[in-house]
Amino acid sequence: MADQHPGKPRKLRTSVKGPLMFSAFWAVVAFGAVLIFASGGSARAPRFDLAFTAAGIAFIVTLVIAAMLSMSHKDNAEHLGKGSGVNLSSAGNQGHGFGGQKSGGQAPAAGDVTDGTPGT
């Protein structure tokens, strides 16, 4: 909500239109499915009471789920995308991470074992 500007339309994530359209779509799908399948065939009268009930339930449930998901959205921090390779945030750390050098700045000698297993 902090990125709102007066007079400009909101983004789809922060507006009400997106979750309402999503919920209305699933309500129409539920209405159609229950109207077709609850009557039990074309010889019987369609069950509009069950179809409207299913559409209302589908609308409310999907609207609540969409609202909860949109409220829980949080952008990643800027520092998480910096660096390269497997260990993205350790561009300046030379003693930590996979393939890093020892704290002295020197590469291990040929006979040194750095993974804790006995050397041969």
Protein backbone atom coordinates (compact mmCIF):
# COMPACT_ATOMS: atom_id res chain seq x y z
CA MET A 1 0.00 0.00 0.00
CA ALA A 2 3.00 2.29 0.35
CA ASP A 3 3.52 2.36 -3.43
CA GLN A 4 0.16 4.03 -4.13
CA HIS A 5 0.03 7.37 -5.89
CA PRO A 6 -3.08 9.56 -5.93
CA GLY A 7 -4.81 9.71 -9.30
CA LYS A 8 -3.01 6.66 -10.73
CA PRO A 9 -4.51 3.16 -10.96
CA ARG A 10 -3.21 0.57 -8.54
CA LYS A 11 -1.18 -2.45 -9.56
CA LEU A 12 -3.16 -5.66 -10.03
CA ARG A 13 -1.65 -7.14 -6.86
CA THR A 14 -2.69 -4.21 -4.66
CA SER A 15 -6.07 -3.59 -6.25
CA VAL A 16 -9.32 -5.30 -5.42
CA LYS A 17 -10.13 -6.15 -9.02
CA GLY A 18 -7.75 -9.13 -9.35
CA PRO A 19 -9.03 -11.25 -6.44
CA LEU A 20 -12.64 -10.38 -7.31
CA MET A 21 -12.22 -11.53 -10.92
CA PHE A 22 -10.46 -14.70 -9.76
CA SER A 23 -13.24 -15.49 -7.29
CA ALA A 24 -16.00 -14.66 -9.78
CA PHE A 25 -14.46 -17.04 -12.33
CA TRP A 26 -14.43 -19.95 -9.90
CA ALA A 27 -17.95 -19.09 -8.73
CA VAL A 28 -19.20 -19.32 -12.32
CA VAL A 29 -17.38 -22.63 -12.80
CA ALA A 30 -18.91 -24.03 -9.60
CA PHE A 31 -22.36 -22.75 -10.59
CA GLY A 32 -22.17 -24.42 -13.99
CA ALA A 33 -20.79 -27.68 -12.67
CA VAL A 34 -23.37 -28.02 -9.91
CA LEU A 35 -26.22 -26.98 -12.21
CA ILE A 36 -25.28 -29.70 -14.68
CA PHE A 37 -24.37 -32.51 -12.30
CA ALA A 38 -26.83 -31.98 -9.43
CA SER A 39 -29.94 -32.36 -11.58
CA GLY A 40 -29.09 -35.94 -12.49
CA GLY A 41 -29.82 -35.74 -16.19
CA SER A 42 -31.73 -33.68 -18.74
CA ALA A 43 -35.13 -35.23 -17.89
CA ARG A 44 -35.20 -33.55 -14.46
CA ALA A 45 -35.43 -29.89 -13.52
CA PRO A 46 -32.12 -28.10 -12.92
CA ARG A 47 -31.21 -27.48 -9.29
CA PHE A 48 -30.66 -23.72 -9.18
CA ASP A 49 -30.76 -23.67 -5.39
CA LEU A 50 -27.72 -25.94 -5.13
CA ALA A 51 -25.96 -24.13 -7.97
CA PHE A 52 -26.31 -20.71 -6.30
CA THR A 53 -25.20 -22.16 -2.97
CA ALA A 54 -22.10 -23.72 -4.53
CA ALA A 55 -21.31 -20.49 -6.40
CA GLY A 56 -21.56 -18.45 -3.20
CA ILE A 57 -19.34 -20.85 -1.28
CA ALA A 58 -16.76 -20.96 -4.09
CA PHE A 59 -16.76 -17.15 -4.35
CA ILE A 60 -16.22 -16.60 -0.62
CA VAL A 61 -13.59 -19.31 -0.20
CA THR A 62 -11.50 -18.24 -3.19
CA LEU A 63 -11.80 -14.57 -2.23
CA VAL A 64 -10.51 -15.27 1.29
CA ILE A 65 -7.65 -17.41 -0.06
CA ALA A 66 -6.66 -14.78 -2.65
CA ALA A 67 -6.76 -12.02 -0.04
CA MET A 68 -4.59 -13.99 2.37
CA LEU A 69 -2.07 -14.79 -0.35
CA SER A 70 -1.87 -11.17 -1.50
CA MET A 71 -1.40 -9.94 2.09
CA SER A 72 1.41 -12.43 2.73
CA HIS A 73 3.39 -11.35 -0.35
CA LYS A 74 6.74 -9.77 0.49
CA ASP A 75 9.45 -8.71 -1.95
CA ASN A 76 12.96 -10.09 -1.52
CA ALA A 77 15.61 -7.86 -0.04
CA GLU A 78 17.94 -6.17 -2.54
CA HIS A 79 21.11 -7.75 -1.09
CA LEU A 80 19.88 -11.28 -1.87
CA GLY A 81 20.37 -10.86 -5.61
CA LYS A 82 23.97 -9.66 -5.49
CA GLY A 83 27.02 -11.83 -6.16
CA SER A 84 27.32 -14.80 -8.46
CA GLY A 85 27.48 -18.56 -8.32
CA VAL A 86 26.18 -20.83 -5.59
CA ASN A 87 27.03 -18.57 -2.66
CA LEU A 88 25.44 -15.31 -3.86
CA SER A 89 26.00 -13.16 -0.78
CA SER A 90 29.66 -14.07 -0.19
CA ALA A 91 31.32 -12.04 -2.93
CA GLY A 92 33.51 -10.31 -0.35
CA ASN A 93 34.00 -13.23 2.05
CA GLN A 94 37.18 -15.10 1.15
CA GLY A 95 37.21 -17.74 3.89
CA HIS A 96 33.68 -19.05 3.66
CA GLY A 97 31.67 -20.87 1.08
CA PHE A 98 32.41 -23.52 -1.47
CA GLY A 99 35.77 -23.13 -3.16
CA GLY A 100 36.90 -20.23 -0.99
CA GLN A 101 40.49 -19.75 0.08
CA LYS A 102 41.82 -20.13 3.62
CA SER A 103 41.88 -17.09 5.87
CA GLY A 104 45.58 -16.47 5.15
CA GLY A 105 44.85 -15.82 1.50
CA GLN A 106 47.00 -18.74 0.37
CA ALA A 107 45.79 -21.77 -1.51
CA PRO A 108 46.24 -25.13 0.27
CA ALA A 109 49.41 -27.05 -0.46
CA ALA A 110 49.32 -30.23 -2.54
CA GLY A 111 49.40 -32.55 0.51
CA ASP A 112 46.92 -30.61 2.65
CA VAL A 113 43.45 -32.05 3.06
CA THR A 114 40.73 -29.48 3.70
CA ASP A 115 37.57 -31.61 3.87
CA GLY A 116 38.38 -33.44 7.15
CA THR A 117 39.15 -36.83 5.59
CA PRO A 118 42.58 -38.39 6.09
CA GLY A 119 44.94 -37.80 3.17
CA THR A 120 46.58 -40.57 1.20
